[in-house]
Amino acid sequence: MDEPACPQKAPIKLDLEAGEYWWCACGLSAKQPFCDGSHKGTAFTPLSFKLENAETLWLCACKATRKAPRCDGTHKTL
């Protein structure tokens, strides 16, 4: 598996509390956009990110963004 799976071609809007999160980079997680450990055995690792304050984010679900974990609109070209 050289390329991540694309669970959906649209971002996921989430209202998140302050804290640490693990964004799924492989696209295999059943808990999109977060990691559930499905990447084990692949070359992918989840991306850790921290929020100091509550925030509304649009997180990438196509796994092609160049600004992970945030959506950069790449899904529009897939």
PDB file of N, CA and C in Angstrom:
ATOM      1  N   MET A   1       0.856  -1.178   0.000  1.00  0.00           N
ATOM      2  CA  MET A   1       0.000   0.000   0.000  1.00  0.00           C
ATOM      3  C   MET A   1       0.896   1.232   0.000  1.00  0.00           C
ATOM      4  N   ASP A   2       1.074   1.830  -1.171  1.00  0.00           N
ATOM      5  CA  ASP A   2       1.925   3.016  -1.304  1.00  0.00           C
ATOM      6  C   ASP A   2       1.148   4.310  -1.136  1.00  0.00           C
ATOM      7  N   GLU A   3      -0.111   4.293  -1.489  1.00  0.00           N
ATOM      8  CA  GLU A   3      -0.965   5.471  -1.393  1.00  0.00           C
ATOM      9  C   GLU A   3      -2.034   5.221  -0.328  1.00  0.00           C
ATOM     10  N   PRO A   4      -2.432   6.259   0.394  1.00  0.00           N
ATOM     11  CA  PRO A   4      -3.487   6.057   1.378  1.00  0.00           C
ATOM     12  C   PRO A   4      -4.830   5.803   0.699  1.00  0.00           C
ATOM     13  N   ALA A   5      -5.705   5.107   1.400  1.00  0.00           N
ATOM     14  CA  ALA A   5      -7.076   4.924   0.929  1.00  0.00           C
ATOM     15  C   ALA A   5      -7.788   6.273   1.031  1.00  0.00           C
ATOM     16  N   CYS A   6      -8.834   6.452   0.227  1.00  0.00           N
ATOM     17  CA  CYS A   6      -9.609   7.695   0.236  1.00  0.00           C
ATOM     18  C   CYS A   6     -11.015   7.378   0.749  1.00  0.00           C
ATOM     19  N   PRO A   7     -11.240   7.531   2.072  1.00  0.00           N
ATOM     20  CA  PRO A   7     -12.544   7.192   2.619  1.00  0.00           C
ATOM     21  C   PRO A   7     -13.690   8.063   2.107  1.00  0.00           C
ATOM     22  N   GLN A   8     -13.411   9.332   1.792  1.00  0.00           N
ATOM     23  CA  GLN A   8     -14.433  10.197   1.192  1.00  0.00           C
ATOM     24  C   GLN A   8     -13.779  11.412   0.568  1.00  0.00           C
ATOM     25  N   LYS A   9     -14.420  11.950  -0.461  1.00  0.00           N
ATOM     26  CA  LYS A   9     -13.878  13.103  -1.186  1.00  0.00           C
ATOM     27  C   LYS A   9     -14.497  14.397  -0.708  1.00  0.00           C
ATOM     28  N   ALA A  10     -14.484  14.579   0.590  1.00  0.00           N
ATOM     29  CA  ALA A  10     -14.973  15.805   1.220  1.00  0.00           C
ATOM     30  C   ALA A  10     -14.377  15.856   2.625  1.00  0.00           C
ATOM     31  N   PRO A  11     -14.137  17.045   3.146  1.00  0.00           N
ATOM     32  CA  PRO A  11     -13.596  17.151   4.504  1.00  0.00           C
ATOM     33  C   PRO A  11     -14.662  16.837   5.549  1.00  0.00           C
ATOM     34  N   ILE A  12     -14.208  16.630   6.769  1.00  0.00           N
ATOM     35  CA  ILE A  12     -15.096  16.375   7.897  1.00  0.00           C
ATOM     36  C   ILE A  12     -15.013  17.564   8.839  1.00  0.00           C
ATOM     37  N   LYS A  13     -16.144  18.221   9.064  1.00  0.00           N
ATOM     38  CA  LYS A  13     -16.189  19.377   9.965  1.00  0.00           C
ATOM     39  C   LYS A  13     -16.421  18.883  11.389  1.00  0.00           C
ATOM     40  N   LEU A  14     -15.533  19.307  12.300  1.00  0.00           N
ATOM     41  CA  LEU A  14     -15.638  18.883  13.693  1.00  0.00           C
ATOM     42  C   LEU A  14     -15.438  20.055  14.640  1.00  0.00           C
ATOM     43  N   ASP A  15     -16.226  20.085  15.690  1.00  0.00           N
ATOM     44  CA  ASP A  15     -16.023  21.022  16.793  1.00  0.00           C
ATOM     45  C   ASP A  15     -15.240  20.261  17.856  1.00  0.00           C
ATOM     46  N   LEU A  16     -13.971  20.591  17.997  1.00  0.00           N
ATOM     47  CA  LEU A  16     -13.093  19.848  18.900  1.00  0.00           C
ATOM     48  C   LEU A  16     -12.732  20.660  20.130  1.00  0.00           C
ATOM     49  N   GLU A  17     -12.612  19.970  21.236  1.00  0.00           N
ATOM     50  CA  GLU A  17     -12.162  20.578  22.484  1.00  0.00           C
ATOM     51  C   GLU A  17     -10.639  20.637  22.486  1.00  0.00           C
ATOM     52  N   ALA A  18     -10.064  21.415  23.387  1.00  0.00           N
ATOM     53  CA  ALA A  18      -8.616  21.441  23.549  1.00  0.00           C
ATOM     54  C   ALA A  18      -8.157  20.026  23.894  1.00  0.00           C
ATOM     55  N   GLY A  19      -7.014  19.629  23.359  1.00  0.00           N
ATOM     56  CA  GLY A  19      -6.481  18.300  23.643  1.00  0.00           C
ATOM     57  C   GLY A  19      -5.629  17.782  22.512  1.00  0.00           C
ATOM     58  N   GLU A  20      -5.204  16.531  22.640  1.00  0.00           N
ATOM     59  CA  GLU A  20      -4.366  15.888  21.625  1.00  0.00           C
ATOM     60  C   GLU A  20      -5.214  14.914  20.823  1.00  0.00           C
ATOM     61  N   TYR A  21      -4.987  14.916  19.512  1.00  0.00           N
ATOM     62  CA  TYR A  21      -5.732  14.069  18.599  1.00  0.00           C
ATOM     63  C   TYR A  21      -4.760  13.359  17.663  1.00  0.00           C
ATOM     64  N   TRP A  22      -5.197  12.209  17.129  1.00  0.00           N
ATOM     65  CA  TRP A  22      -4.401  11.429  16.175  1.00  0.00           C
ATOM     66  C   TRP A  22      -5.203  11.291  14.892  1.00  0.00           C
ATOM     67  N   TRP A  23      -4.753  11.994  13.841  1.00  0.00           N
ATOM     68  CA  TRP A  23      -5.412  11.984  12.534  1.00  0.00           C
ATOM     69  C   TRP A  23      -4.951  10.766  11.740  1.00  0.00           C
ATOM     70  N   CYS A  24      -5.896  10.047  11.165  1.00  0.00           N
ATOM     71  CA  CYS A  24      -5.595   8.868  10.349  1.00  0.00           C
ATOM     72  C   CYS A  24      -4.947   9.310   9.038  1.00  0.00           C
ATOM     73  N   ALA A  25      -3.766   8.786   8.749  1.00  0.00           N
ATOM     74  CA  ALA A  25      -3.061   9.116   7.506  1.00  0.00           C
ATOM     75  C   ALA A  25      -3.208   8.025   6.446  1.00  0.00           C
ATOM     76  N   CYS A  26      -3.604   6.812   6.861  1.00  0.00           N
ATOM     77  CA  CYS A  26      -3.687   5.694   5.915  1.00  0.00           C
ATOM     78  C   CYS A  26      -5.035   5.611   5.201  1.00  0.00           C
ATOM     79  N   GLY A  27      -6.069   6.184   5.809  1.00  0.00           N
ATOM     80  CA  GLY A  27      -7.404   6.128   5.231  1.00  0.00           C
ATOM     81  C   GLY A  27      -8.168   4.857   5.556  1.00  0.00           C
ATOM     82  N   LEU A  28      -7.599   3.966   6.359  1.00  0.00           N
ATOM     83  CA  LEU A  28      -8.232   2.684   6.661  1.00  0.00           C
ATOM     84  C   LEU A  28      -9.064   2.678   7.941  1.00  0.00           C
ATOM     85  N   SER A  29      -8.916   3.684   8.763  1.00  0.00           N
ATOM     86  CA  SER A  29      -9.609   3.727  10.055  1.00  0.00           C
ATOM     87  C   SER A  29     -11.133   3.742   9.891  1.00  0.00           C
ATOM     88  N   ALA A  30     -11.812   3.017  10.751  1.00  0.00           N
ATOM     89  CA  ALA A  30     -13.269   3.027  10.777  1.00  0.00           C
ATOM     90  C   ALA A  30     -13.784   4.215  11.584  1.00  0.00           C
ATOM     91  N   LYS A  31     -12.880   4.970  12.211  1.00  0.00           N
ATOM     92  CA  LYS A  31     -13.255   6.119  13.034  1.00  0.00           C
ATOM     93  C   LYS A  31     -12.787   7.424  12.396  1.00  0.00           C
ATOM     94  N   GLN A  32     -12.915   7.557  11.089  1.00  0.00           N
ATOM     95  CA  GLN A  32     -12.463   8.744  10.360  1.00  0.00           C
ATOM     96  C   GLN A  32     -12.970  10.026  10.994  1.00  0.00           C
ATOM     97  N   PRO A  33     -12.149  11.049  11.059  1.00  0.00           N
ATOM     98  CA  PRO A  33     -10.814  11.175  10.493  1.00  0.00           C
ATOM     99  C   PRO A  33      -9.707  10.770  11.465  1.00  0.00           C
ATOM    100  N   PHE A  34     -10.081  10.078  12.548  1.00  0.00           N
ATOM    101  CA  PHE A  34      -9.103   9.733  13.565  1.00  0.00           C
ATOM    102  C   PHE A  34      -8.611   8.297  13.433  1.00  0.00           C
ATOM    103  N   CYS A  35      -7.443   8.046  13.977  1.00  0.00           N
ATOM    104  CA  CYS A  35      -6.791   6.744  13.910  1.00  0.00           C
ATOM    105  C   CYS A  35      -7.471   5.731  14.839  1.00  0.00           C
ATOM    106  N   ASP A  36      -7.610   4.493  14.345  1.00  0.00           N
ATOM    107  CA  ASP A  36      -8.076   3.386  15.185  1.00  0.00           C
ATOM    108  C   ASP A  36      -7.078   2.236  15.183  1.00  0.00           C
ATOM    109  N   GLY A  37      -5.864   2.497  14.655  1.00  0.00           N
ATOM    110  CA  GLY A  37      -4.820   1.467  14.629  1.00  0.00           C
ATOM    111  C   GLY A  37      -4.799   0.636  13.361  1.00  0.00           C
ATOM    112  N   SER A  38      -5.678   0.917  12.409  1.00  0.00           N
ATOM    113  CA  SER A  38      -5.744   0.132  11.171  1.00  0.00           C
ATOM    114  C   SER A  38      -4.492   0.238  10.312  1.00  0.00           C
ATOM    115  N   HIS A  39      -3.640   1.222  10.573  1.00  0.00           N
ATOM    116  CA  HIS A  39      -2.424   1.416   9.788  1.00  0.00           C
ATOM    117  C   HIS A  39      -1.359   0.352  10.082  1.00  0.00           C
ATOM    118  N   LYS A  40      -1.513  -0.411  11.153  1.00  0.00           N
ATOM    119  CA  LYS A  40      -0.505  -1.414  11.519  1.00  0.00           C
ATOM    120  C   LYS A  40      -0.272  -2.355  10.356  1.00  0.00           C
ATOM    121  N   GLY A  41       0.991  -2.555  10.015  1.00  0.00           N
ATOM    122  CA  GLY A  41       1.361  -3.388   8.881  1.00  0.00           C
ATOM    123  C   GLY A  41       1.499  -2.610   7.588  1.00  0.00           C
ATOM    124  N   THR A  42       1.266  -1.294   7.628  1.00  0.00           N
ATOM    125  CA  THR A  42       1.445  -0.442   6.449  1.00  0.00           C
ATOM    126  C   THR A  42       2.617   0.502   6.705  1.00  0.00           C
ATOM    127  N   ALA A  43       2.952   1.298   5.738  1.00  0.00           N
ATOM    128  CA  ALA A  43       4.039   2.280   5.875  1.00  0.00           C
ATOM    129  C   ALA A  43       3.538   3.585   6.497  1.00  0.00           C
ATOM    130  N   PHE A  44       2.261   3.656   6.845  1.00  0.00           N
ATOM    131  CA  PHE A  44       1.673   4.896   7.349  1.00  0.00           C
ATOM    132  C   PHE A  44       1.687   4.959   8.871  1.00  0.00           C
ATOM    133  N   THR A  45       1.772   6.185   9.382  1.00  0.00           N
ATOM    134  CA  THR A  45       1.639   6.432  10.810  1.00  0.00           C
ATOM    135  C   THR A  45       0.677   7.598  10.991  1.00  0.00           C
ATOM    136  N   PRO A  46      -0.108   7.573  12.056  1.00  0.00           N
ATOM    137  CA  PRO A  46      -1.043   8.674  12.280  1.00  0.00           C
ATOM    138  C   PRO A  46      -0.296   9.962  12.619  1.00  0.00           C
ATOM    139  N   LEU A  47      -0.961  11.077  12.401  1.00  0.00           N
ATOM    140  CA  LEU A  47      -0.381  12.385  12.678  1.00  0.00           C
ATOM    141  C   LEU A  47      -0.985  12.932  13.963  1.00  0.00           C
ATOM    142  N   SER A  48      -0.130  13.238  14.922  1.00  0.00           N
ATOM    143  CA  SER A  48      -0.571  13.819  16.182  1.00  0.00           C
ATOM    144  C   SER A  48      -0.696  15.330  16.026  1.00  0.00           C
ATOM    145  N   PHE A  49      -1.782  15.890  16.579  1.00  0.00           N
ATOM    146  CA  PHE A  49      -1.892  17.351  16.628  1.00  0.00           C
ATOM    147  C   PHE A  49      -2.586  17.744  17.919  1.00  0.00           C
ATOM    148  N   LYS A  50      -2.213  18.923  18.424  1.00  0.00           N
ATOM    149  CA  LYS A  50      -2.757  19.423  19.682  1.00  0.00           C
ATOM    150  C   LYS A  50      -3.500  20.723  19.456  1.00  0.00           C
ATOM    151  N   LEU A  51      -4.581  20.879  20.189  1.00  0.00           N
ATOM    152  CA  LEU A  51      -5.331  22.132  20.192  1.00  0.00           C
ATOM    153  C   LEU A  51      -5.230  22.727  21.588  1.00  0.00           C
ATOM    154  N   GLU A  52      -4.854  23.971  21.655  1.00  0.00           N
ATOM    155  CA  GLU A  52      -4.756  24.657  22.947  1.00  0.00           C
ATOM    156  C   GLU A  52      -6.121  25.146  23.415  1.00  0.00           C
ATOM    157  N   ASN A  53      -7.019  25.380  22.453  1.00  0.00           N
ATOM    158  CA  ASN A  53      -8.363  25.873  22.736  1.00  0.00           C
ATOM    159  C   ASN A  53      -9.367  25.100  21.892  1.00  0.00           C
ATOM    160  N   ALA A  54     -10.624  25.151  22.274  1.00  0.00           N
ATOM    161  CA  ALA A  54     -11.675  24.548  21.457  1.00  0.00           C
ATOM    162  C   ALA A  54     -11.668  25.237  20.087  1.00  0.00           C
ATOM    163  N   GLU A  55     -11.922  24.464  19.058  1.00  0.00           N
ATOM    164  CA  GLU A  55     -11.814  25.004  17.704  1.00  0.00           C
ATOM    165  C   GLU A  55     -12.692  24.180  16.754  1.00  0.00           C
ATOM    166  N   THR A  56     -13.233  24.825  15.728  1.00  0.00           N
ATOM    167  CA  THR A  56     -13.926  24.130  14.663  1.00  0.00           C
ATOM    168  C   THR A  56     -12.927  23.930  13.529  1.00  0.00           C
ATOM    169  N   LEU A  57     -12.750  22.680  13.109  1.00  0.00           N
ATOM    170  CA  LEU A  57     -11.788  22.355  12.050  1.00  0.00           C
ATOM    171  C   LEU A  57     -12.463  21.571  10.937  1.00  0.00           C
ATOM    172  N   TRP A  58     -11.953  21.747   9.733  1.00  0.00           N
ATOM    173  CA  TRP A  58     -12.315  20.918   8.592  1.00  0.00           C
ATOM    174  C   TRP A  58     -11.122  19.998   8.371  1.00  0.00           C
ATOM    175  N   LEU A  59     -11.265  18.722   8.756  1.00  0.00           N
ATOM    176  CA  LEU A  59     -10.170  17.770   8.647  1.00  0.00           C
ATOM    177  C   LEU A  59     -10.282  16.971   7.355  1.00  0.00           C
ATOM    178  N   CYS A  60      -9.139  16.737   6.749  1.00  0.00           N
ATOM    179  CA  CYS A  60      -9.069  16.027   5.480  1.00  0.00           C
ATOM    180  C   CYS A  60      -9.547  14.586   5.636  1.00  0.00           C
ATOM    181  N   ALA A  61     -10.406  14.152   4.717  1.00  0.00           N
ATOM    182  CA  ALA A  61     -10.856  12.766   4.694  1.00  0.00           C
ATOM    183  C   ALA A  61     -10.430  12.060   3.410  1.00  0.00           C
ATOM    184  N   CYS A  62      -9.897  12.809   2.431  1.00  0.00           N
ATOM    185  CA  CYS A  62      -9.429  12.168   1.197  1.00  0.00           C
ATOM    186  C   CYS A  62      -7.988  11.688   1.338  1.00  0.00           C
ATOM    187  N   LYS A  63      -7.297  12.188   2.348  1.00  0.00           N
ATOM    188  CA  LYS A  63      -5.917  11.830   2.689  1.00  0.00           C
ATOM    189  C   LYS A  63      -4.901  12.321   1.660  1.00  0.00           C
ATOM    190  N   ALA A  64      -5.285  13.287   0.828  1.00  0.00           N
ATOM    191  CA  ALA A  64      -4.385  13.832  -0.187  1.00  0.00           C
ATOM    192  C   ALA A  64      -3.958  15.269   0.116  1.00  0.00           C
ATOM    193  N   THR A  65      -4.424  15.845   1.221  1.00  0.00           N
ATOM    194  CA  THR A  65      -4.085  17.218   1.563  1.00  0.00           C
ATOM    195  C   THR A  65      -2.574  17.406   1.717  1.00  0.00           C
ATOM    196  N   ARG A  66      -2.116  18.606   1.448  1.00  0.00           N
ATOM    197  CA  ARG A  66      -0.708  18.947   1.668  1.00  0.00           C
ATOM    198  C   ARG A  66      -0.567  19.742   2.967  1.00  0.00           C
ATOM    199  N   LYS A  67      -1.677  19.885   3.708  1.00  0.00           N
ATOM    200  CA  LYS A  67      -1.669  20.634   4.970  1.00  0.00           C
ATOM    201  C   LYS A  67      -2.261  19.781   6.096  1.00  0.00           C
ATOM    202  N   ALA A  68      -1.925  18.513   6.115  1.00  0.00           N
ATOM    203  CA  ALA A  68      -2.495  17.574   7.092  1.00  0.00           C
ATOM    204  C   ALA A  68      -2.357  18.097   8.510  1.00  0.00           C
ATOM    205  N   PRO A  69      -3.381  17.942   9.316  1.00  0.00           N
ATOM    206  CA  PRO A  69      -4.612  17.194   9.072  1.00  0.00           C
ATOM    207  C   PRO A  69      -5.732  18.029   8.456  1.00  0.00           C
ATOM    208  N   ARG A  70      -5.465  19.297   8.210  1.00  0.00           N
ATOM    209  CA  ARG A  70      -6.509  20.191   7.694  1.00  0.00           C
ATOM    210  C   ARG A  70      -6.724  19.984   6.192  1.00  0.00           C
ATOM    211  N   CYS A  71      -7.948  20.184   5.773  1.00  0.00           N
ATOM    212  CA  CYS A  71      -8.301  20.112   4.359  1.00  0.00           C
ATOM    213  C   CYS A  71      -7.706  21.311   3.627  1.00  0.00           C
ATOM    214  N   ASP A  72      -7.143  21.063   2.455  1.00  0.00           N
ATOM    215  CA  ASP A  72      -6.632  22.166   1.620  1.00  0.00           C
ATOM    216  C   ASP A  72      -7.358  22.233   0.270  1.00  0.00           C
ATOM    217  N   GLY A  73      -8.450  21.465   0.132  1.00  0.00           N
ATOM    218  CA  GLY A  73      -9.229  21.489  -1.095  1.00  0.00           C
ATOM    219  C   GLY A  73      -8.791  20.507  -2.159  1.00  0.00           C
ATOM    220  N   THR A  74      -7.764  19.717  -1.891  1.00  0.00           N
ATOM    221  CA  THR A  74      -7.260  18.763  -2.880  1.00  0.00           C
ATOM    222  C   THR A  74      -8.346  17.792  -3.343  1.00  0.00           C
ATOM    223  N   HIS A  75      -9.298  17.461  -2.464  1.00  0.00           N
ATOM    224  CA  HIS A  75     -10.357  16.508  -2.814  1.00  0.00           C
ATOM    225  C   HIS A  75     -11.137  16.939  -4.056  1.00  0.00           C
ATOM    226  N   LYS A  76     -11.131  18.225  -4.360  1.00  0.00           N
ATOM    227  CA  LYS A  76     -11.863  18.735  -5.530  1.00  0.00           C
ATOM    228  C   LYS A  76     -11.216  18.314  -6.844  1.00  0.00           C
ATOM    229  N   THR A  77      -9.947  17.871  -6.787  1.00  0.00           N
ATOM    230  CA  THR A  77      -9.233  17.485  -8.006  1.00  0.00           C
ATOM    231  C   THR A  77      -9.101  15.973  -8.161  1.00  0.00           C
ATOM    232  N   LEU A  78      -9.648  15.222  -7.240  1.00  0.00           N
ATOM    233  CA  LEU A  78      -9.521  13.756  -7.296  1.00  0.00           C
ATOM    234  C   LEU A  78     -10.569  13.132  -8.197  1.00  0.00           C
TER     235      LEU A  78
END
